[in-house]
Amino acid sequence: MKFIGEVSAEQIQAWKEEHGEINCIKVEDHICYLKKPSRKTLGYASMAGKNDPFMFNEVILKNCWLGGDEAIKTDDTLFLSACPQITEMIEIKKSSLEKL
């Protein structure tokens, strides 16, 4: 299946070399590509999300966007469908605290 906004394997490889891990979100026949969010982006998104929960996802999407179908950013139905995957990109590893 061909997705609207799909890029070549060469472009994906170039993004991987520049940014490391790359994620793609598919919504029906639309696709977009995102780099992993930085701590700075997560901080900004957290602040923006305090007053408007959707702003968290919007900030992540805008700041991590590499390419794909712009409709995912502008069409409310596509954006809302992408939101669960946007938050899924944020990897939280298990940690522990030990008093010595």
PDB file of N, CA and C in Angstrom:
ATOM      1  N   MET A   1       0.839  -1.186   0.000  1.00  0.00           N
ATOM      2  CA  MET A   1       0.000   0.000   0.000  1.00  0.00           C
ATOM      3  C   MET A   1       0.880   1.245   0.000  1.00  0.00           C
ATOM      4  N   LYS A   2       0.571   2.180  -0.821  1.00  0.00           N
ATOM      5  CA  LYS A   2       1.280   3.459  -0.908  1.00  0.00           C
ATOM      6  C   LYS A   2       0.575   4.461   0.009  1.00  0.00           C
ATOM      7  N   PHE A   3       1.370   5.145   0.840  1.00  0.00           N
ATOM      8  CA  PHE A   3       0.828   6.123   1.774  1.00  0.00           C
ATOM      9  C   PHE A   3       1.072   7.539   1.254  1.00  0.00           C
ATOM     10  N   ILE A   4       0.128   8.423   1.539  1.00  0.00           N
ATOM     11  CA  ILE A   4       0.290   9.829   1.198  1.00  0.00           C
ATOM     12  C   ILE A   4       1.368  10.398   2.109  1.00  0.00           C
ATOM     13  N   GLY A   5       2.417  10.946   1.516  1.00  0.00           N
ATOM     14  CA  GLY A   5       3.521  11.500   2.289  1.00  0.00           C
ATOM     15  C   GLY A   5       4.692  10.553   2.458  1.00  0.00           C
ATOM     16  N   GLU A   6       4.600   9.366   1.878  1.00  0.00           N
ATOM     17  CA  GLU A   6       5.662   8.362   2.021  1.00  0.00           C
ATOM     18  C   GLU A   6       6.953   8.840   1.350  1.00  0.00           C
ATOM     19  N   VAL A   7       8.078   8.570   2.006  1.00  0.00           N
ATOM     20  CA  VAL A   7       9.383   8.943   1.459  1.00  0.00           C
ATOM     21  C   VAL A   7      10.178   7.687   1.123  1.00  0.00           C
ATOM     22  N   SER A   8      11.302   7.876   0.460  1.00  0.00           N
ATOM     23  CA  SER A   8      12.135   6.753   0.031  1.00  0.00           C
ATOM     24  C   SER A   8      12.910   6.148   1.204  1.00  0.00           C
ATOM     25  N   ALA A   9      13.348   4.924   1.020  1.00  0.00           N
ATOM     26  CA  ALA A   9      14.184   4.250   2.024  1.00  0.00           C
ATOM     27  C   ALA A   9      15.495   5.008   2.219  1.00  0.00           C
ATOM     28  N   GLU A  10      15.988   5.624   1.149  1.00  0.00           N
ATOM     29  CA  GLU A  10      17.225   6.406   1.233  1.00  0.00           C
ATOM     30  C   GLU A  10      17.043   7.617   2.148  1.00  0.00           C
ATOM     31  N   GLN A  11      15.879   8.269   2.059  1.00  0.00           N
ATOM     32  CA  GLN A  11      15.601   9.424   2.906  1.00  0.00           C
ATOM     33  C   GLN A  11      15.503   8.993   4.370  1.00  0.00           C
ATOM     34  N   ILE A  12      14.858   7.883   4.618  1.00  0.00           N
ATOM     35  CA  ILE A  12      14.747   7.368   5.986  1.00  0.00           C
ATOM     36  C   ILE A  12      16.130   7.070   6.548  1.00  0.00           C
ATOM     37  N   GLN A  13      16.981   6.461   5.738  1.00  0.00           N
ATOM     38  CA  GLN A  13      18.342   6.150   6.178  1.00  0.00           C
ATOM     39  C   GLN A  13      19.128   7.427   6.480  1.00  0.00           C
ATOM     40  N   ALA A  14      18.965   8.444   5.662  1.00  0.00           N
ATOM     41  CA  ALA A  14      19.646   9.723   5.901  1.00  0.00           C
ATOM     42  C   ALA A  14      19.172  10.342   7.214  1.00  0.00           C
ATOM     43  N   TRP A  15      17.874  10.264   7.487  1.00  0.00           N
ATOM     44  CA  TRP A  15      17.349  10.782   8.759  1.00  0.00           C
ATOM     45  C   TRP A  15      17.902   9.989   9.934  1.00  0.00           C
ATOM     46  N   LYS A  16      17.993   8.670   9.778  1.00  0.00           N
ATOM     47  CA  LYS A  16      18.538   7.837  10.858  1.00  0.00           C
ATOM     48  C   LYS A  16      19.980   8.221  11.164  1.00  0.00           C
ATOM     49  N   GLU A  17      20.765   8.481  10.132  1.00  0.00           N
ATOM     50  CA  GLU A  17      22.158   8.866  10.325  1.00  0.00           C
ATOM     51  C   GLU A  17      22.269  10.216  11.022  1.00  0.00           C
ATOM     52  N   GLU A  18      21.329  11.109  10.733  1.00  0.00           N
ATOM     53  CA  GLU A  18      21.371  12.445  11.323  1.00  0.00           C
ATOM     54  C   GLU A  18      20.748  12.496  12.719  1.00  0.00           C
ATOM     55  N   HIS A  19      19.646  11.773  12.929  1.00  0.00           N
ATOM     56  CA  HIS A  19      18.864  11.904  14.165  1.00  0.00           C
ATOM     57  C   HIS A  19      18.811  10.651  15.043  1.00  0.00           C
ATOM     58  N   GLY A  20      19.293   9.535  14.553  1.00  0.00           N
ATOM     59  CA  GLY A  20      19.172   8.291  15.314  1.00  0.00           C
ATOM     60  C   GLY A  20      17.827   7.633  15.032  1.00  0.00           C
ATOM     61  N   GLU A  21      17.119   7.309  16.073  1.00  0.00           N
ATOM     62  CA  GLU A  21      15.838   6.606  15.953  1.00  0.00           C
ATOM     63  C   GLU A  21      14.794   7.466  15.235  1.00  0.00           C
ATOM     64  N   ILE A  22      14.114   6.853  14.271  1.00  0.00           N
ATOM     65  CA  ILE A  22      13.052   7.514  13.522  1.00  0.00           C
ATOM     66  C   ILE A  22      11.768   6.710  13.706  1.00  0.00           C
ATOM     67  N   ASN A  23      10.673   7.415  13.906  1.00  0.00           N
ATOM     68  CA  ASN A  23       9.357   6.778  14.035  1.00  0.00           C
ATOM     69  C   ASN A  23       8.479   7.221  12.884  1.00  0.00           C
ATOM     70  N   CYS A  24       7.578   6.346  12.474  1.00  0.00           N
ATOM     71  CA  CYS A  24       6.570   6.758  11.503  1.00  0.00           C
ATOM     72  C   CYS A  24       5.203   6.479  12.105  1.00  0.00           C
ATOM     73  N   ILE A  25       4.300   7.370  11.832  1.00  0.00           N
ATOM     74  CA  ILE A  25       2.909   7.214  12.272  1.00  0.00           C
ATOM     75  C   ILE A  25       2.064   7.109  11.024  1.00  0.00           C
ATOM     76  N   LYS A  26       1.238   6.082  10.983  1.00  0.00           N
ATOM     77  CA  LYS A  26       0.334   5.868   9.860  1.00  0.00           C
ATOM     78  C   LYS A  26      -1.092   6.055  10.344  1.00  0.00           C
ATOM     79  N   VAL A  27      -1.825   6.897   9.639  1.00  0.00           N
ATOM     80  CA  VAL A  27      -3.241   7.122   9.918  1.00  0.00           C
ATOM     81  C   VAL A  27      -3.974   6.891   8.606  1.00  0.00           C
ATOM     82  N   GLU A  28      -4.684   5.781   8.535  1.00  0.00           N
ATOM     83  CA  GLU A  28      -5.344   5.349   7.310  1.00  0.00           C
ATOM     84  C   GLU A  28      -4.318   5.318   6.181  1.00  0.00           C
ATOM     85  N   ASP A  29      -4.462   6.166   5.156  1.00  0.00           N
ATOM     86  CA  ASP A  29      -3.512   6.128   4.040  1.00  0.00           C
ATOM     87  C   ASP A  29      -2.530   7.303   4.087  1.00  0.00           C
ATOM     88  N   HIS A  30      -2.356   7.890   5.280  1.00  0.00           N
ATOM     89  CA  HIS A  30      -1.427   9.006   5.485  1.00  0.00           C
ATOM     90  C   HIS A  30      -0.264   8.538   6.356  1.00  0.00           C
ATOM     91  N   ILE A  31       0.908   9.140   6.176  1.00  0.00           N
ATOM     92  CA  ILE A  31       2.083   8.757   6.955  1.00  0.00           C
ATOM     93  C   ILE A  31       2.914  10.002   7.264  1.00  0.00           C
ATOM     94  N   CYS A  32       3.552   9.976   8.438  1.00  0.00           N
ATOM     95  CA  CYS A  32       4.512  11.028   8.759  1.00  0.00           C
ATOM     96  C   CYS A  32       5.689  10.396   9.499  1.00  0.00           C
ATOM     97  N   TYR A  33       6.798  11.124   9.511  1.00  0.00           N
ATOM     98  CA  TYR A  33       8.044  10.633  10.096  1.00  0.00           C
ATOM     99  C   TYR A  33       8.501  11.619  11.161  1.00  0.00           C
ATOM    100  N   LEU A  34       8.880  11.085  12.310  1.00  0.00           N
ATOM    101  CA  LEU A  34       9.268  11.917  13.444  1.00  0.00           C
ATOM    102  C   LEU A  34      10.558  11.419  14.061  1.00  0.00           C
ATOM    103  N   LYS A  35      11.382  12.367  14.492  1.00  0.00           N
ATOM    104  CA  LYS A  35      12.572  12.005  15.264  1.00  0.00           C
ATOM    105  C   LYS A  35      12.173  11.923  16.734  1.00  0.00           C
ATOM    106  N   LYS A  36      13.031  11.323  17.528  1.00  0.00           N
ATOM    107  CA  LYS A  36      12.776  11.186  18.959  1.00  0.00           C
ATOM    108  C   LYS A  36      12.827  12.572  19.606  1.00  0.00           C
ATOM    109  N   PRO A  37      11.872  12.887  20.489  1.00  0.00           N
ATOM    110  CA  PRO A  37      11.883  14.221  21.109  1.00  0.00           C
ATOM    111  C   PRO A  37      13.044  14.405  22.083  1.00  0.00           C
ATOM    112  N   SER A  38      13.597  15.602  22.082  1.00  0.00           N
ATOM    113  CA  SER A  38      14.676  15.941  23.015  1.00  0.00           C
ATOM    114  C   SER A  38      14.084  16.324  24.368  1.00  0.00           C
ATOM    115  N   ARG A  39      14.925  16.435  25.363  1.00  0.00           N
ATOM    116  CA  ARG A  39      14.483  16.859  26.695  1.00  0.00           C
ATOM    117  C   ARG A  39      13.897  18.271  26.625  1.00  0.00           C
ATOM    118  N   LYS A  40      14.522  19.137  25.830  1.00  0.00           N
ATOM    119  CA  LYS A  40      14.038  20.506  25.671  1.00  0.00           C
ATOM    120  C   LYS A  40      12.626  20.516  25.068  1.00  0.00           C
ATOM    121  N   THR A  41      12.417  19.704  24.039  1.00  0.00           N
ATOM    122  CA  THR A  41      11.098  19.609  23.409  1.00  0.00           C
ATOM    123  C   THR A  41      10.076  19.061  24.385  1.00  0.00           C
ATOM    124  N   LEU A  42      10.454  18.035  25.146  1.00  0.00           N
ATOM    125  CA  LEU A  42       9.529  17.466  26.134  1.00  0.00           C
ATOM    126  C   LEU A  42       9.170  18.484  27.209  1.00  0.00           C
ATOM    127  N   GLY A  43      10.144  19.286  27.628  1.00  0.00           N
ATOM    128  CA  GLY A  43       9.872  20.311  28.630  1.00  0.00           C
ATOM    129  C   GLY A  43       8.910  21.361  28.111  1.00  0.00           C
ATOM    130  N   TYR A  44       9.155  21.808  26.893  1.00  0.00           N
ATOM    131  CA  TYR A  44       8.276  22.799  26.278  1.00  0.00           C
ATOM    132  C   TYR A  44       6.876  22.226  26.092  1.00  0.00           C
ATOM    133  N   ALA A  45       6.792  20.979  25.640  1.00  0.00           N
ATOM    134  CA  ALA A  45       5.493  20.329  25.433  1.00  0.00           C
ATOM    135  C   ALA A  45       4.750  20.174  26.750  1.00  0.00           C
ATOM    136  N   SER A  46       5.463  19.841  27.809  1.00  0.00           N
ATOM    137  CA  SER A  46       4.830  19.685  29.122  1.00  0.00           C
ATOM    138  C   SER A  46       4.253  21.006  29.608  1.00  0.00           C
ATOM    139  N   MET A  47       4.996  22.087  29.420  1.00  0.00           N
ATOM    140  CA  MET A  47       4.501  23.412  29.825  1.00  0.00           C
ATOM    141  C   MET A  47       3.275  23.803  28.996  1.00  0.00           C
ATOM    142  N   ALA A  48       3.340  23.589  27.694  1.00  0.00           N
ATOM    143  CA  ALA A  48       2.220  23.941  26.808  1.00  0.00           C
ATOM    144  C   ALA A  48       0.998  23.090  27.113  1.00  0.00           C
ATOM    145  N   GLY A  49       1.223  21.842  27.523  1.00  0.00           N
ATOM    146  CA  GLY A  49       0.132  20.917  27.790  1.00  0.00           C
ATOM    147  C   GLY A  49      -0.590  21.153  29.099  1.00  0.00           C
ATOM    148  N   LYS A  50      -0.066  22.016  29.966  1.00  0.00           N
ATOM    149  CA  LYS A  50      -0.719  22.291  31.250  1.00  0.00           C
ATOM    150  C   LYS A  50      -2.082  22.938  31.058  1.00  0.00           C
ATOM    151  N   ASN A  51      -2.188  23.833  30.098  1.00  0.00           N
ATOM    152  CA  ASN A  51      -3.459  24.527  29.861  1.00  0.00           C
ATOM    153  C   ASN A  51      -4.315  23.855  28.798  1.00  0.00           C
ATOM    154  N   ASP A  52      -3.679  23.144  27.903  1.00  0.00           N
ATOM    155  CA  ASP A  52      -4.391  22.484  26.805  1.00  0.00           C
ATOM    156  C   ASP A  52      -3.728  21.140  26.540  1.00  0.00           C
ATOM    157  N   PRO A  53      -4.350  20.040  26.960  1.00  0.00           N
ATOM    158  CA  PRO A  53      -3.714  18.716  26.816  1.00  0.00           C
ATOM    159  C   PRO A  53      -3.314  18.362  25.385  1.00  0.00           C
ATOM    160  N   PHE A  54      -4.038  18.874  24.395  1.00  0.00           N
ATOM    161  CA  PHE A  54      -3.685  18.571  23.016  1.00  0.00           C
ATOM    162  C   PHE A  54      -2.417  19.303  22.585  1.00  0.00           C
ATOM    163  N   MET A  55      -2.081  20.390  23.257  1.00  0.00           N
ATOM    164  CA  MET A  55      -0.884  21.140  22.909  1.00  0.00           C
ATOM    165  C   MET A  55       0.377  20.309  23.141  1.00  0.00           C
ATOM    166  N   PHE A  56       0.356  19.408  24.127  1.00  0.00           N
ATOM    167  CA  PHE A  56       1.500  18.532  24.352  1.00  0.00           C
ATOM    168  C   PHE A  56       1.834  17.785  23.068  1.00  0.00           C
ATOM    169  N   ASN A  57       0.822  17.118  22.509  1.00  0.00           N
ATOM    170  CA  ASN A  57       1.037  16.346  21.283  1.00  0.00           C
ATOM    171  C   ASN A  57       1.371  17.240  20.098  1.00  0.00           C
ATOM    172  N   GLU A  58       0.745  18.405  20.033  1.00  0.00           N
ATOM    173  CA  GLU A  58       1.002  19.315  18.923  1.00  0.00           C
ATOM    174  C   GLU A  58       2.450  19.814  18.927  1.00  0.00           C
ATOM    175  N   VAL A  59       2.972  20.130  20.112  1.00  0.00           N
ATOM    176  CA  VAL A  59       4.358  20.588  20.225  1.00  0.00           C
ATOM    177  C   VAL A  59       5.327  19.474  19.824  1.00  0.00           C
ATOM    178  N   ILE A  60       5.070  18.253  20.308  1.00  0.00           N
ATOM    179  CA  ILE A  60       5.928  17.117  19.945  1.00  0.00           C
ATOM    180  C   ILE A  60       5.892  16.911  18.428  1.00  0.00           C
ATOM    181  N   LEU A  61       4.699  16.904  17.863  1.00  0.00           N
ATOM    182  CA  LEU A  61       4.552  16.683  16.426  1.00  0.00           C
ATOM    183  C   LEU A  61       5.305  17.759  15.636  1.00  0.00           C
ATOM    184  N   LYS A  62       5.125  19.012  16.008  1.00  0.00           N
ATOM    185  CA  LYS A  62       5.752  20.121  15.283  1.00  0.00           C
ATOM    186  C   LYS A  62       7.276  20.081  15.400  1.00  0.00           C
ATOM    187  N   ASN A  63       7.794  19.822  16.597  1.00  0.00           N
ATOM    188  CA  ASN A  63       9.234  19.895  16.823  1.00  0.00           C
ATOM    189  C   ASN A  63       9.989  18.637  16.401  1.00  0.00           C
ATOM    190  N   CYS A  64       9.303  17.532  16.245  1.00  0.00           N
ATOM    191  CA  CYS A  64       9.961  16.279  15.854  1.00  0.00           C
ATOM    192  C   CYS A  64       9.698  15.914  14.397  1.00  0.00           C
ATOM    193  N   TRP A  65       8.894  16.683  13.715  1.00  0.00           N
ATOM    194  CA  TRP A  65       8.491  16.418  12.332  1.00  0.00           C
ATOM    195  C   TRP A  65       9.696  16.403  11.404  1.00  0.00           C
ATOM    196  N   LEU A  66       9.812  15.347  10.624  1.00  0.00           N
ATOM    197  CA  LEU A  66      10.844  15.255   9.593  1.00  0.00           C
ATOM    198  C   LEU A  66      10.234  15.321   8.199  1.00  0.00           C
ATOM    199  N   GLY A  67       9.071  14.743   8.031  1.00  0.00           N
ATOM    200  CA  GLY A  67       8.420  14.737   6.730  1.00  0.00           C
ATOM    201  C   GLY A  67       7.161  13.917   6.755  1.00  0.00           C
ATOM    202  N   GLY A  68       6.493  13.898   5.613  1.00  0.00           N
ATOM    203  CA  GLY A  68       5.260  13.142   5.497  1.00  0.00           C
ATOM    204  C   GLY A  68       4.113  14.029   5.061  1.00  0.00           C
ATOM    205  N   ASP A  69       2.906  13.538   5.259  1.00  0.00           N
ATOM    206  CA  ASP A  69       1.711  14.250   4.831  1.00  0.00           C
ATOM    207  C   ASP A  69       1.352  15.338   5.841  1.00  0.00           C
ATOM    208  N   GLU A  70       1.418  16.583   5.410  1.00  0.00           N
ATOM    209  CA  GLU A  70       1.114  17.740   6.262  1.00  0.00           C
ATOM    210  C   GLU A  70      -0.303  17.682   6.823  1.00  0.00           C
ATOM    211  N   ALA A  71      -1.185  16.933   6.186  1.00  0.00           N
ATOM    212  CA  ALA A  71      -2.571  16.835   6.656  1.00  0.00           C
ATOM    213  C   ALA A  71      -2.640  16.276   8.072  1.00  0.00           C
ATOM    214  N   ILE A  72      -1.666  15.476   8.476  1.00  0.00           N
ATOM    215  CA  ILE A  72      -1.655  14.935   9.838  1.00  0.00           C
ATOM    216  C   ILE A  72      -1.518  16.070  10.846  1.00  0.00           C
ATOM    217  N   LYS A  73      -0.847  17.151  10.468  1.00  0.00           N
ATOM    218  CA  LYS A  73      -0.714  18.311  11.356  1.00  0.00           C
ATOM    219  C   LYS A  73      -1.931  19.222  11.299  1.00  0.00           C
ATOM    220  N   THR A  74      -2.625  19.251  10.176  1.00  0.00           N
ATOM    221  CA  THR A  74      -3.679  20.256   9.989  1.00  0.00           C
ATOM    222  C   THR A  74      -5.100  19.718  10.078  1.00  0.00           C
ATOM    223  N   ASP A  75      -5.311  18.464   9.782  1.00  0.00           N
ATOM    224  CA  ASP A  75      -6.651  17.875   9.816  1.00  0.00           C
ATOM    225  C   ASP A  75      -6.905  17.314  11.220  1.00  0.00           C
ATOM    226  N   ASP A  76      -7.921  17.835  11.895  1.00  0.00           N
ATOM    227  CA  ASP A  76      -8.181  17.446  13.285  1.00  0.00           C
ATOM    228  C   ASP A  76      -8.387  15.938  13.450  1.00  0.00           C
ATOM    229  N   THR A  77      -9.098  15.309  12.538  1.00  0.00           N
ATOM    230  CA  THR A  77      -9.350  13.873  12.638  1.00  0.00           C
ATOM    231  C   THR A  77      -8.053  13.079  12.546  1.00  0.00           C
ATOM    232  N   LEU A  78      -7.191  13.440  11.613  1.00  0.00           N
ATOM    233  CA  LEU A  78      -5.911  12.744  11.465  1.00  0.00           C
ATOM    234  C   LEU A  78      -5.005  13.022  12.661  1.00  0.00           C
ATOM    235  N   PHE A  79      -4.972  14.279  13.110  1.00  0.00           N
ATOM    236  CA  PHE A  79      -4.157  14.650  14.267  1.00  0.00           C
ATOM    237  C   PHE A  79      -4.590  13.868  15.508  1.00  0.00           C
ATOM    238  N   LEU A  80      -5.881  13.849  15.786  1.00  0.00           N
ATOM    239  CA  LEU A  80      -6.382  13.133  16.968  1.00  0.00           C
ATOM    240  C   LEU A  80      -6.101  11.640  16.887  1.00  0.00           C
ATOM    241  N   SER A  81      -6.131  11.096  15.684  1.00  0.00           N
ATOM    242  CA  SER A  81      -5.817   9.677  15.505  1.00  0.00           C
ATOM    243  C   SER A  81      -4.343   9.395  15.740  1.00  0.00           C
ATOM    244  N   ALA A  82      -3.490  10.373  15.460  1.00  0.00           N
ATOM    245  CA  ALA A  82      -2.041  10.211  15.650  1.00  0.00           C
ATOM    246  C   ALA A  82      -1.615  10.411  17.109  1.00  0.00           C
ATOM    247  N   CYS A  83      -2.411  11.122  17.888  1.00  0.00           N
ATOM    248  CA  CYS A  83      -2.031  11.482  19.266  1.00  0.00           C
ATOM    249  C   CYS A  83      -1.573  10.302  20.138  1.00  0.00           C
ATOM    250  N   PRO A  84      -2.272   9.178  20.159  1.00  0.00           N
ATOM    251  CA  PRO A  84      -1.793   8.070  21.006  1.00  0.00           C
ATOM    252  C   PRO A  84      -0.398   7.585  20.622  1.00  0.00           C
ATOM    253  N   GLN A  85      -0.077   7.608  19.339  1.00  0.00           N
ATOM    254  CA  GLN A  85       1.247   7.170  18.896  1.00  0.00           C
ATOM    255  C   GLN A  85       2.316   8.207  19.233  1.00  0.00           C
ATOM    256  N   ILE A  86       1.948   9.469  19.246  1.00  0.00           N
ATOM    257  CA  ILE A  86       2.900  10.520  19.598  1.00  0.00           C
ATOM    258  C   ILE A  86       3.373  10.316  21.031  1.00  0.00           C
ATOM    259  N   THR A  87       2.450  10.075  21.950  1.00  0.00           N
ATOM    260  CA  THR A  87       2.840   9.860  23.345  1.00  0.00           C
ATOM    261  C   THR A  87       3.586   8.535  23.514  1.00  0.00           C
ATOM    262  N   GLU A  88       3.311   7.575  22.659  1.00  0.00           N
ATOM    263  CA  GLU A  88       3.992   6.276  22.706  1.00  0.00           C
ATOM    264  C   GLU A  88       5.476   6.411  22.367  1.00  0.00           C
ATOM    265  N   MET A  89       5.839   7.458  21.609  1.00  0.00           N
ATOM    266  CA  MET A  89       7.238   7.670  21.221  1.00  0.00           C
ATOM    267  C   MET A  89       8.126   7.996  22.416  1.00  0.00           C
ATOM    268  N   ILE A  90       7.522   8.495  23.473  1.00  0.00           N
ATOM    269  CA  ILE A  90       8.296   8.928  24.635  1.00  0.00           C
ATOM    270  C   ILE A  90       8.605   7.700  25.481  1.00  0.00           C
ATOM    271  N   GLU A  91       9.846   7.310  25.437  1.00  0.00           N
ATOM    272  CA  GLU A  91      10.283   6.087  26.108  1.00  0.00           C
ATOM    273  C   GLU A  91      10.740   6.417  27.530  1.00  0.00           C
ATOM    274  N   ILE A  92      10.088   5.785  28.485  1.00  0.00           N
ATOM    275  CA  ILE A  92      10.471   5.938  29.890  1.00  0.00           C
ATOM    276  C   ILE A  92      11.071   4.614  30.343  1.00  0.00           C
ATOM    277  N   LYS A  93      12.319   4.658  30.726  1.00  0.00           N
ATOM    278  CA  LYS A  93      12.992   3.445  31.187  1.00  0.00           C
ATOM    279  C   LYS A  93      12.827   3.313  32.695  1.00  0.00           C
ATOM    280  N   LYS A  94      12.826   2.101  33.151  1.00  0.00           N
ATOM    281  CA  LYS A  94      12.705   1.835  34.578  1.00  0.00           C
ATOM    282  C   LYS A  94      13.991   2.268  35.278  1.00  0.00           C
ATOM    283  N   SER A  95      13.830   2.929  36.400  1.00  0.00           N
ATOM    284  CA  SER A  95      14.979   3.358  37.169  1.00  0.00           C
ATOM    285  C   SER A  95      14.770   2.997  38.631  1.00  0.00           C
ATOM    286  N   SER A  96      15.810   3.132  39.416  1.00  0.00           N
ATOM    287  CA  SER A  96      15.685   2.843  40.845  1.00  0.00           C
ATOM    288  C   SER A  96      16.560   3.817  41.628  1.00  0.00           C
ATOM    289  N   LEU A  97      16.203   4.028  42.859  1.00  0.00           N
ATOM    290  CA  LEU A  97      16.948   4.875  43.752  1.00  0.00           C
ATOM    291  C   LEU A  97      17.448   4.024  44.905  1.00  0.00           C
ATOM    292  N   GLU A  98      18.713   4.167  45.204  1.00  0.00           N
ATOM    293  CA  GLU A  98      19.312   3.354  46.251  1.00  0.00           C
ATOM    294  C   GLU A  98      20.052   4.284  47.212  1.00  0.00           C
ATOM    295  N   LYS A  99      19.693   4.202  48.489  1.00  0.00           N
ATOM    296  CA  LYS A  99      20.420   4.991  49.486  1.00  0.00           C
ATOM    297  C   LYS A  99      21.629   4.192  49.944  1.00  0.00           C
ATOM    298  N   LEU A 100      22.760   4.836  49.957  1.00  0.00           N
ATOM    299  CA  LEU A 100      24.013   4.156  50.345  1.00  0.00           C
ATOM    300  C   LEU A 100      24.508   4.642  51.675  1.00  0.00           C
TER     301      LEU A 100
END
